Amino acid sequence: MSSETILRLCLTLGGLSLFALLEAAFPARARVLPRLGRWITNLSLGGVSSLAVRLMGPATVAGAALAAGEAGFGLFNQLTLPAWLVASLVLVLMDLAVWAQHLAMHKAPLLWRLHRVHHADRDLDVTSGLRFHPFEAAVSMAWKAAVVFALGAPVAAALGYEILLGLMALFTHANVRLPGRLERALRLVVVTPEMHRTHHSILRAEMDSNYGNALSLWDRVFRTYTPAPQGPLVLGLGGGQDAQGASLRGMLWMPLA
């Protein structure tokens, strides 16, 4: 197991533990479903998806960064810029690329069949940040790898953003109630749990908004920002889709239904 894999595993477990504790101490919403069953299901799907990405071999963010560096390919391999500036630009441009991918997951029917697995959850908590179909995880990794290769992003910068993205997924899905003033200040820069919670609304207009993953500015720039739900927030997709998404087997077969 590589040092990068060990680092990501440790940070993921640490993030899960930290936000689970904060959820217990400062919950934002009452749970609809029992915690244990959901956690087992979501974590199991996250494990399957992680395995699927591992099986992609070099077609990952790290592999793409190494290949671009060896070939001298990509934007940042043609420019002479300070390392801090390159890292900052990689973070911003990668986050824009992931925002665009998230938008596509909602707008392209085939991609939505994969992504709706993530939305078919009647609750939202830190484990939801790992609840992605393995095919979606593979598509997402392939897209990020292509962007990294086109940018010629350094390995450290590319992996740094990948780790940040994983931690932000845990944070934005956490069932945590932040103090109002802190939440409003944070969402000026980053996506907060309250902002992302609106994205998981059962109402399609609210679901098709707040696509941000780390930085919150993209939704404002592209006018897909919804400050808050218009009424009582109900999570999920509704109907039989939520019931199908309540088991690991159901989630794995959901894109074919």
Protein backbone atom coordinates (compact mmCIF):
# COMPACT_ATOMS: atom_id res chain seq x y z
CA MET A 1 0.00 0.00 0.00
CA SER A 2 1.46 3.36 -1.06
CA SER A 3 2.08 6.20 1.38
CA GLU A 4 -0.49 8.29 -0.51
CA THR A 5 -3.14 5.60 -0.01
CA ILE A 6 -2.32 5.30 3.69
CA LEU A 7 -2.51 9.09 4.11
CA ARG A 8 -5.89 9.29 2.38
CA LEU A 9 -7.22 6.36 4.42
CA CYS A 10 -6.10 7.97 7.68
CA LEU A 11 -7.59 11.34 6.75
CA THR A 12 -10.86 9.72 5.67
CA LEU A 13 -11.18 7.76 8.91
CA GLY A 14 -10.23 10.85 10.88
CA GLY A 15 -12.80 12.96 9.02
CA LEU A 16 -15.51 10.34 9.52
CA SER A 17 -14.78 10.18 13.24
CA LEU A 18 -14.59 13.94 13.74
CA PHE A 19 -17.77 14.80 11.88
CA ALA A 20 -19.65 11.87 13.41
CA LEU A 21 -18.83 13.27 16.84
CA LEU A 22 -19.91 16.77 15.79
CA GLU A 23 -23.16 15.33 14.38
CA ALA A 24 -23.89 13.71 17.73
CA ALA A 25 -23.17 16.93 19.61
CA PHE A 26 -24.71 19.49 17.22
CA PRO A 27 -27.21 17.76 14.90
CA ALA A 28 -28.88 19.90 12.25
CA ARG A 29 -31.82 17.55 11.56
CA ALA A 30 -33.57 14.64 13.24
CA ARG A 31 -32.87 11.33 11.53
CA VAL A 32 -35.58 9.69 9.43
CA LEU A 33 -33.95 6.24 9.31
CA PRO A 34 -31.94 4.26 11.90
CA ARG A 35 -28.28 5.24 11.88
CA LEU A 36 -26.63 1.79 11.94
CA GLY A 37 -28.32 0.40 8.83
CA ARG A 38 -27.58 3.52 6.79
CA TRP A 39 -23.98 3.65 7.91
CA ILE A 40 -23.37 0.02 6.98
CA THR A 41 -24.97 0.54 3.57
CA ASN A 42 -23.23 3.83 2.77
CA LEU A 43 -19.82 2.73 4.00
CA SER A 44 -20.12 -0.55 2.09
CA LEU A 45 -20.88 1.30 -1.13
CA GLY A 46 -17.98 3.66 -0.44
CA GLY A 47 -15.68 0.67 -0.05
CA VAL A 48 -16.84 -0.88 -3.34
CA SER A 49 -16.35 2.44 -5.11
CA SER A 50 -12.85 2.85 -3.67
CA LEU A 51 -11.96 -0.62 -4.93
CA ALA A 52 -13.28 0.26 -8.39
CA VAL A 53 -11.03 3.33 -8.50
CA ARG A 54 -8.03 1.32 -7.33
CA LEU A 55 -8.61 -1.10 -10.21
CA MET A 56 -8.24 1.79 -12.68
CA GLY A 57 -4.47 1.55 -12.22
CA PRO A 58 -2.60 4.51 -13.72
CA ALA A 59 -5.81 6.17 -15.00
CA THR A 60 -6.07 8.24 -11.82
CA VAL A 61 -5.18 11.74 -10.73
CA ALA A 62 -1.73 10.65 -9.53
CA GLY A 63 -1.06 8.61 -12.66
CA ALA A 64 -2.13 11.46 -14.93
CA ALA A 65 0.08 13.96 -13.09
CA LEU A 66 3.09 11.64 -13.34
CA ALA A 67 2.47 10.97 -17.05
CA ALA A 68 2.09 14.67 -17.84
CA GLY A 69 5.29 15.49 -15.95
CA GLU A 70 7.31 12.81 -17.72
CA ALA A 71 6.00 13.90 -21.14
CA GLY A 72 6.28 17.61 -20.42
CA PHE A 73 2.63 17.90 -21.40
CA GLY A 74 -0.01 20.30 -20.15
CA LEU A 75 -0.44 23.98 -19.42
CA PHE A 76 1.72 24.28 -16.32
CA ASN A 77 4.57 22.31 -17.89
CA GLN A 78 4.81 25.07 -20.51
CA LEU A 79 4.90 27.94 -18.02
CA THR A 80 7.42 29.10 -15.47
CA LEU A 81 5.42 30.04 -12.38
CA PRO A 82 6.07 29.93 -8.63
CA ALA A 83 5.06 26.62 -7.05
CA TRP A 84 2.55 28.32 -4.73
CA LEU A 85 0.82 29.98 -7.68
CA VAL A 86 0.66 26.72 -9.64
CA ALA A 87 -0.81 24.92 -6.63
CA SER A 88 -3.40 27.67 -6.14
CA LEU A 89 -4.40 27.65 -9.81
CA VAL A 90 -4.65 23.86 -9.83
CA LEU A 91 -6.98 23.99 -6.84
CA VAL A 92 -9.24 26.61 -8.43
CA LEU A 93 -9.29 25.05 -11.92
CA MET A 94 -9.79 21.52 -10.62
CA ASP A 95 -12.65 22.70 -8.45
CA LEU A 96 -14.28 24.35 -11.46
CA ALA A 97 -13.86 21.11 -13.43
CA VAL A 98 -15.46 19.08 -10.64
CA TRP A 99 -18.32 21.63 -10.42
CA ALA A 100 -18.90 21.17 -14.18
CA GLN A 101 -18.85 17.39 -13.77
CA HIS A 102 -21.42 17.61 -10.99
CA LEU A 103 -23.65 19.74 -13.22
CA ALA A 104 -23.29 17.17 -16.02
CA MET A 105 -24.25 14.39 -13.61
CA HIS A 106 -27.61 16.10 -13.16
CA LYS A 107 -28.21 17.15 -16.76
CA ALA A 108 -27.05 14.13 -18.82
CA PRO A 109 -29.62 11.29 -18.49
CA LEU A 110 -27.03 8.50 -18.51
CA LEU A 111 -24.89 10.18 -15.89
CA TRP A 112 -27.94 10.98 -13.77
CA ARG A 113 -28.75 7.27 -13.62
CA LEU A 114 -25.43 6.85 -11.82
CA HIS A 115 -25.61 9.97 -9.67
CA ARG A 116 -29.16 9.45 -8.42
CA VAL A 117 -27.79 6.64 -6.23
CA HIS A 118 -26.13 9.39 -4.20
CA HIS A 119 -29.39 11.33 -3.90
CA ALA A 120 -31.61 8.37 -2.98
CA ASP A 121 -30.92 8.86 0.70
CA ARG A 122 -33.66 10.12 3.00
CA ASP A 123 -31.08 11.29 5.54
CA LEU A 124 -27.83 13.14 5.07
CA ASP A 125 -24.75 12.69 7.23
CA VAL A 126 -21.00 12.24 7.00
CA THR A 127 -21.34 8.76 5.46
CA SER A 128 -23.28 10.28 2.55
CA GLY A 129 -19.97 11.80 1.45
CA LEU A 130 -18.85 8.28 0.50
CA ARG A 131 -22.16 7.14 -1.02
CA PHE A 132 -21.33 7.04 -4.73
CA HIS A 133 -21.93 4.25 -7.24
CA PRO A 134 -18.65 2.61 -8.34
CA PHE A 135 -19.37 3.53 -11.97
CA GLU A 136 -19.81 7.17 -10.97
CA ALA A 137 -16.60 7.02 -8.96
CA ALA A 138 -14.78 5.65 -12.02
CA VAL A 139 -16.26 8.29 -14.34
CA SER A 140 -15.36 11.02 -11.87
CA MET A 141 -11.77 9.80 -11.52
CA ALA A 142 -11.34 9.51 -15.29
CA TRP A 143 -12.58 13.10 -15.75
CA LYS A 144 -10.30 14.46 -13.02
CA ALA A 145 -7.35 12.53 -14.47
CA ALA A 146 -8.02 14.02 -17.92
CA VAL A 147 -8.14 17.54 -16.45
CA VAL A 148 -4.94 16.97 -14.46
CA PHE A 149 -3.19 15.74 -17.61
CA ALA A 150 -4.40 18.73 -19.65
CA LEU A 151 -3.25 21.13 -16.94
CA GLY A 152 0.07 19.38 -16.46
CA ALA A 153 -0.61 19.65 -12.75
CA PRO A 154 2.23 18.67 -10.40
CA VAL A 155 1.65 15.45 -8.50
CA ALA A 156 1.62 17.15 -5.10
CA ALA A 157 -0.91 19.79 -6.20
CA ALA A 158 -3.17 17.24 -7.90
CA LEU A 159 -3.14 14.89 -4.91
CA GLY A 160 -3.58 17.82 -2.55
CA TYR A 161 -6.79 18.80 -4.28
CA GLU A 162 -7.99 15.19 -4.38
CA ILE A 163 -7.49 14.88 -0.62
CA LEU A 164 -9.18 18.25 -0.04
CA LEU A 165 -12.13 17.16 -2.19
CA GLY A 166 -12.56 13.98 -0.16
CA LEU A 167 -12.51 15.84 3.15
CA MET A 168 -14.92 18.48 1.83
CA ALA A 169 -17.33 15.72 0.78
CA LEU A 170 -17.42 14.50 4.37
CA PHE A 171 -17.84 18.04 5.73
CA THR A 172 -20.56 19.22 3.32
CA HIS A 173 -22.69 16.12 3.89
CA ALA A 174 -22.32 16.16 7.68
CA ASN A 175 -25.51 16.55 9.69
CA VAL A 176 -23.95 19.40 11.64
CA ARG A 177 -25.57 22.66 12.72
CA LEU A 178 -23.05 25.48 12.54
CA PRO A 179 -23.57 28.78 14.40
CA GLY A 180 -25.36 31.19 12.05
CA ARG A 181 -22.64 33.81 11.90
CA LEU A 182 -19.92 31.22 11.29
CA GLU A 183 -21.98 29.46 8.62
CA ARG A 184 -22.64 32.69 6.72
CA ALA A 185 -18.96 33.64 6.84
CA LEU A 186 -17.78 30.21 5.69
CA ARG A 187 -20.15 29.97 2.74
CA LEU A 188 -18.67 33.15 1.29
CA VAL A 189 -15.64 30.98 0.47
CA VAL A 190 -16.47 27.29 0.81
CA VAL A 191 -19.54 25.07 0.54
CA THR A 192 -21.13 24.47 3.95
CA PRO A 193 -23.34 21.59 5.11
CA GLU A 194 -26.40 23.86 5.14
CA MET A 195 -25.71 25.06 1.60
CA HIS A 196 -25.20 21.54 0.28
CA ARG A 197 -28.20 20.17 2.19
CA THR A 198 -30.46 22.23 -0.08
CA HIS A 199 -28.93 20.40 -3.06
CA HIS A 200 -30.30 17.13 -1.64
CA SER A 201 -33.86 18.46 -1.56
CA ILE A 202 -36.56 16.25 -3.03
CA LEU A 203 -37.71 19.28 -5.07
CA ARG A 204 -36.02 19.21 -8.46
CA ALA A 205 -35.49 22.97 -8.68
CA GLU A 206 -33.55 22.93 -5.41
CA MET A 207 -31.76 19.70 -6.27
CA ASP A 208 -30.57 21.32 -9.51
CA SER A 209 -28.69 24.03 -7.64
CA ASN A 210 -25.71 24.40 -5.28
CA TYR A 211 -23.43 22.06 -7.26
CA GLY A 212 -20.30 23.31 -5.51
CA ASN A 213 -17.91 20.83 -3.96
CA ALA A 214 -15.25 22.92 -2.23
CA LEU A 215 -15.42 26.57 -3.33
CA SER A 216 -18.83 28.22 -3.18
CA LEU A 217 -18.25 30.89 -5.83
CA TRP A 218 -19.05 28.76 -8.89
CA ASP A 219 -22.75 28.58 -8.11
CA ARG A 220 -22.88 32.33 -7.75
CA VAL A 221 -20.89 32.89 -10.94
CA PHE A 222 -23.07 30.52 -12.99
CA ARG A 223 -26.33 31.48 -11.24
CA THR A 224 -27.09 28.06 -9.80
CA TYR A 225 -27.00 29.26 -6.20
CA THR A 226 -29.98 28.74 -3.89
CA PRO A 227 -29.49 30.40 -0.49
CA ALA A 228 -31.99 28.17 1.35
CA PRO A 229 -34.92 25.83 0.65
CA GLN A 230 -38.25 27.51 0.03
CA GLY A 231 -40.07 25.40 2.62
CA PRO A 232 -39.55 22.41 4.94
CA LEU A 233 -36.62 20.45 3.54
CA VAL A 234 -37.35 16.85 2.54
CA LEU A 235 -34.35 14.82 1.40
CA GLY A 236 -34.15 12.07 -1.22
CA LEU A 237 -35.75 11.33 -4.57
CA GLY A 238 -39.18 10.13 -3.54
CA GLY A 239 -41.14 7.03 -4.37
CA GLY A 240 -39.55 3.66 -4.91
CA GLN A 241 -36.17 5.14 -5.73
CA ASP A 242 -35.46 5.91 -2.07
CA ALA A 243 -36.53 2.41 -1.05
CA GLN A 244 -34.24 0.86 -3.66
CA GLY A 245 -31.39 3.02 -2.44
CA ALA A 246 -31.71 1.67 1.11
CA SER A 247 -29.64 -1.49 0.45
CA LEU A 248 -26.22 -2.11 -1.07
CA ARG A 249 -27.63 -4.46 -3.68
CA GLY A 250 -30.36 -1.99 -4.57
CA MET A 251 -27.86 0.85 -5.00
CA LEU A 252 -25.56 -1.23 -7.19
CA TRP A 253 -28.46 -2.17 -9.49
CA MET A 254 -30.16 1.20 -9.39
CA PRO A 255 -28.58 2.63 -12.59
CA LEU A 256 -30.06 -0.29 -14.53
CA ALA A 257 -33.56 0.10 -13.13
